[in-house]
Structure formats: C-alpha cells, structure tokens
C-alpha atoms as a PDB file:
ATOM      1  CA  UNK A   1      -3.816 -62.809 -18.345  1.00  0.00           C
ATOM      2  CA  UNK A   2      -6.341 -60.583 -16.144  1.00  0.00           C
ATOM      3  CA  UNK A   3      -7.667 -57.370 -17.697  1.00  0.00           C
ATOM      4  CA  UNK A   4      -9.945 -55.925 -15.159  1.00  0.00           C
ATOM      5  CA  UNK A   5     -11.787 -56.650 -12.227  1.00  0.00           C
ATOM      6  CA  UNK A   6     -15.470 -55.807 -10.460  1.00  0.00           C
ATOM      7  CA  UNK A   7     -15.783 -55.668  -6.798  1.00  0.00           C
ATOM      8  CA  UNK A   8     -19.055 -56.603  -5.370  1.00  0.00           C
ATOM      9  CA  UNK A   9     -20.934 -55.397  -2.409  1.00  0.00           C
ATOM     10  CA  UNK A  10     -24.476 -57.490  -1.713  1.00  0.00           C
ATOM     11  CA  UNK A  11     -27.183 -55.388  -0.182  1.00  0.00           C
ATOM     12  CA  UNK A  12     -30.529 -55.428   0.886  1.00  0.00           C
ATOM     13  CA  UNK A  13     -32.410 -52.053  -0.001  1.00  0.00           C
ATOM     14  CA  UNK A  14     -30.812 -50.852  -3.900  1.00  0.00           C
ATOM     15  CA  UNK A  15     -31.822 -47.642  -3.431  1.00  0.00           C
ATOM     16  CA  UNK A  16     -30.675 -46.803  -0.061  1.00  0.00           C
ATOM     17  CA  UNK A  17     -27.446 -48.139  -1.399  1.00  0.00           C
ATOM     18  CA  UNK A  18     -27.259 -46.423  -4.494  1.00  0.00           C
ATOM     19  CA  UNK A  19     -27.850 -42.976  -2.535  1.00  0.00           C
ATOM     20  CA  UNK A  20     -24.707 -43.942  -0.715  1.00  0.00           C
ATOM     21  CA  UNK A  21     -22.419 -44.660  -3.108  1.00  0.00           C
ATOM     22  CA  UNK A  22     -23.501 -41.813  -4.922  1.00  0.00           C
ATOM     23  CA  UNK A  23     -21.968 -39.967  -2.269  1.00  0.00           C
ATOM     24  CA  UNK A  24     -18.982 -41.896  -1.909  1.00  0.00           C
ATOM     25  CA  UNK A  25     -18.354 -41.872  -5.586  1.00  0.00           C
ATOM     26  CA  UNK A  26     -19.605 -38.069  -6.057  1.00  0.00           C
ATOM     27  CA  UNK A  27     -21.993 -39.615  -8.716  1.00  0.00           C
ATOM     28  CA  UNK A  28     -24.756 -42.094  -9.690  1.00  0.00           C
ATOM     29  CA  UNK A  29     -23.854 -45.541 -11.093  1.00  0.00           C
ATOM     30  CA  UNK A  30     -22.070 -45.796 -14.670  1.00  0.00           C
ATOM     31  CA  UNK A  31     -24.210 -48.906 -15.371  1.00  0.00           C
ATOM     32  CA  UNK A  32     -27.635 -50.767 -14.692  1.00  0.00           C
ATOM     33  CA  UNK A  33     -26.773 -53.830 -16.229  1.00  0.00           C
ATOM     34  CA  UNK A  34     -29.740 -55.489 -14.943  1.00  0.00           C
ATOM     35  CA  UNK A  35     -32.412 -55.548 -12.455  1.00  0.00           C
ATOM     36  CA  UNK A  36     -30.909 -55.426  -9.012  1.00  0.00           C
ATOM     37  CA  UNK A  37     -27.161 -54.525 -10.081  1.00  0.00           C
ATOM     38  CA  UNK A  38     -25.652 -51.346 -10.439  1.00  0.00           C
ATOM     39  CA  UNK A  39     -22.224 -50.692 -11.383  1.00  0.00           C
ATOM     40  CA  UNK A  40     -19.718 -47.828 -10.738  1.00  0.00           C
ATOM     41  CA  UNK A  41     -16.443 -47.717 -13.222  1.00  0.00           C
ATOM     42  CA  UNK A  42     -13.737 -46.479 -11.189  1.00  0.00           C
ATOM     43  CA  UNK A  43     -10.853 -46.416 -13.850  1.00  0.00           C
ATOM     44  CA  UNK A  44      -9.539 -48.560 -16.740  1.00  0.00           C
ATOM     45  CA  UNK A  45     -10.595 -51.944 -16.025  1.00  0.00           C
ATOM     46  CA  UNK A  46     -11.877 -51.906 -12.475  1.00  0.00           C
ATOM     47  CA  UNK A  47     -15.134 -50.939 -10.759  1.00  0.00           C
ATOM     48  CA  UNK A  48     -17.527 -51.754  -8.125  1.00  0.00           C
ATOM     49  CA  UNK A  49     -20.751 -53.683  -8.625  1.00  0.00           C
ATOM     50  CA  UNK A  50     -23.601 -53.130  -5.915  1.00  0.00           C
ATOM     51  CA  UNK A  51     -26.102 -56.011  -5.897  1.00  0.00           C
ATOM     52  CA  UNK A  52     -29.302 -56.740  -4.291  1.00  0.00           C
ATOM     53  CA  UNK A  53     -29.287 -60.039  -2.190  1.00  0.00           C
ATOM     54  CA  UNK A  54     -30.557 -59.373   0.943  1.00  0.00           C
ATOM     55  CA  UNK A  55     -29.557 -63.128   2.224  1.00  0.00           C
ATOM     56  CA  UNK A  56     -25.973 -62.121   1.867  1.00  0.00           C
ATOM     57  CA  UNK A  57     -26.306 -58.632   2.653  1.00  0.00           C
ATOM     58  CA  UNK A  58     -23.478 -56.437   4.809  1.00  0.00           C
ATOM     59  CA  UNK A  59     -20.585 -58.969   4.666  1.00  0.00           C
ATOM     60  CA  UNK A  60     -18.191 -57.546   1.634  1.00  0.00           C
ATOM     61  CA  UNK A  61     -15.157 -55.494   2.178  1.00  0.00           C
ATOM     62  CA  UNK A  62     -13.923 -53.722  -0.865  1.00  0.00           C
ATOM     63  CA  UNK A  63     -10.226 -51.441  -0.459  1.00  0.00           C
ATOM     64  CA  UNK A  64      -9.751 -48.853  -2.883  1.00  0.00           C
ATOM     65  CA  UNK A  65      -6.723 -46.707  -3.212  1.00  0.00           C
ATOM     66  CA  UNK A  66      -7.196 -42.302  -3.442  1.00  0.00           C
ATOM     67  CA  UNK A  67      -4.675 -40.237  -4.328  1.00  0.00           C
ATOM     68  CA  UNK A  68      -5.427 -37.701  -1.396  1.00  0.00           C
ATOM     69  CA  UNK A  69      -6.906 -39.683   1.409  1.00  0.00           C
ATOM     70  CA  UNK A  70      -6.994 -36.566   3.612  1.00  0.00           C
ATOM     71  CA  UNK A  71      -8.982 -34.664   0.884  1.00  0.00           C
ATOM     72  CA  UNK A  72     -11.313 -37.756   0.540  1.00  0.00           C
ATOM     73  CA  UNK A  73     -11.949 -38.162   4.323  1.00  0.00           C
ATOM     74  CA  UNK A  74     -12.983 -34.176   4.540  1.00  0.00           C
ATOM     75  CA  UNK A  75     -14.952 -34.479   1.576  1.00  0.00           C
ATOM     76  CA  UNK A  76     -17.018 -37.504   2.779  1.00  0.00           C
ATOM     77  CA  UNK A  77     -17.829 -36.261   6.306  1.00  0.00           C
ATOM     78  CA  UNK A  78     -19.174 -33.032   4.599  1.00  0.00           C
ATOM     79  CA  UNK A  79     -21.232 -35.184   3.151  1.00  0.00           C
ATOM     80  CA  UNK A  80     -22.727 -37.017   5.953  1.00  0.00           C
ATOM     81  CA  UNK A  81     -20.698 -40.463   5.629  1.00  0.00           C
ATOM     82  CA  UNK A  82     -19.588 -41.019   8.905  1.00  0.00           C
ATOM     83  CA  UNK A  83     -15.693 -42.284   9.874  1.00  0.00           C
ATOM     84  CA  UNK A  84     -13.045 -41.897  12.270  1.00  0.00           C
ATOM     85  CA  UNK A  85     -10.817 -40.333   9.961  1.00  0.00           C
ATOM     86  CA  UNK A  86      -7.383 -41.504   8.666  1.00  0.00           C
ATOM     87  CA  UNK A  87      -5.744 -44.281  10.621  1.00  0.00           C
ATOM     88  CA  UNK A  88      -2.714 -45.904  10.512  1.00  0.00           C
ATOM     89  CA  UNK A  89      -2.983 -49.602   8.998  1.00  0.00           C
ATOM     90  CA  UNK A  90      -1.790 -51.507   6.267  1.00  0.00           C
ATOM     91  CA  UNK A  91       1.497 -50.028   5.678  1.00  0.00           C
ATOM     92  CA  UNK A  92      -0.039 -46.463   5.235  1.00  0.00           C
ATOM     93  CA  UNK A  93      -3.178 -44.781   6.095  1.00  0.00           C
ATOM     94  CA  UNK A  94      -6.728 -45.812   6.014  1.00  0.00           C
ATOM     95  CA  UNK A  95     -10.148 -44.405   6.204  1.00  0.00           C
ATOM     96  CA  UNK A  96     -12.760 -47.264   7.310  1.00  0.00           C
ATOM     97  CA  UNK A  97     -16.492 -46.832   6.367  1.00  0.00           C
ATOM     98  CA  UNK A  98     -19.353 -49.336   6.550  1.00  0.00           C
ATOM     99  CA  UNK A  99     -22.525 -48.621   4.044  1.00  0.00           C
ATOM    100  CA  UNK A 100     -26.035 -48.866   5.659  1.00  0.00           C
ATOM    101  CA  UNK A 101     -26.008 -52.787   5.596  1.00  0.00           C
ATOM    102  CA  UNK A 102     -22.477 -53.037   7.342  1.00  0.00           C
ATOM    103  CA  UNK A 103     -20.416 -53.967   4.177  1.00  0.00           C
ATOM    104  CA  UNK A 104     -16.728 -52.653   4.801  1.00  0.00           C
ATOM    105  CA  UNK A 105     -15.211 -50.011   2.257  1.00  0.00           C
ATOM    106  CA  UNK A 106     -11.683 -48.921   2.997  1.00  0.00           C
ATOM    107  CA  UNK A 107     -10.303 -46.091   1.330  1.00  0.00           C
ATOM    108  CA  UNK A 108      -6.303 -46.456   1.239  1.00  0.00           C
ATOM    109  CA  UNK A 109      -3.495 -43.904   0.921  1.00  0.00           C
ATOM    110  CA  UNK A 110      -1.211 -43.854  -1.901  1.00  0.00           C
ATOM    111  CA  UNK A 111       1.334 -46.831  -1.541  1.00  0.00           C
ATOM    112  CA  UNK A 112      -0.978 -49.077   0.571  1.00  0.00           C
ATOM    113  CA  UNK A 113      -1.854 -51.379  -2.272  1.00  0.00           C
ATOM    114  CA  UNK A 114       0.935 -53.367  -3.802  1.00  0.00           C
ATOM    115  CA  UNK A 115       1.950 -52.366  -7.311  1.00  0.00           C
ATOM    116  CA  UNK A 116       3.573 -54.879  -9.952  1.00  0.00           C
END
C-alpha cells in the first residue's frame, strides 16, 4: 500500500539546521522543493525533510538504522556532533543526538528496527 516515507524535523534556523544535518549525513540536501524546506533522500523510498517552522521547532524525533553504529558514532564525534556513544535500548544499540533546536535524532544499530 505505502511505497515510501519522508520523516520530518521542524527547525527555527534553516541555515544552521542545514549545516548540522549536512554533518550528520556527510552531504548537503538532495532537494530544496520550496522556500523553508530541505530534503535528504536516504534510500529508495525514504528520507528526511527539514522544515523551517520556528513555532513548532525542537519537538521532532527521527529514528534511522545504520549498518555500523560504532563507525558512525566515531565519525559524528570527530565532526563535532555530541553524543554519549552507543547505549543499549530498543532491543539493540542506539546513539542519541539532538540537533541545535533539540530535535531528537536516534541512530539504531542493525536489527533494532522491525523488518517485514
């Protein structure tokens, strides 16, 4: 029935958010479909939108599965994105981050997210 999904984070400063998410994803956005909106396409049928919406900023949570959580955690720390390293949670290991607005970005190790 469903063929894809774009998660969403609302932010108060689009330029600052773009710099932060570019560090997270190791590249700039794939699209700028309209003023105040950035999109990163992360795989077939899924991605993340970052919206400029100051009155709602900082209340989003996104969970992304990564193949090598420890390697990603090390890279993010080296890039200056603070976190407490991999920790147990959700039936596996997680790294929790917060963007400059306080949106929660959770990186999950393999096997944490359900598969059909």
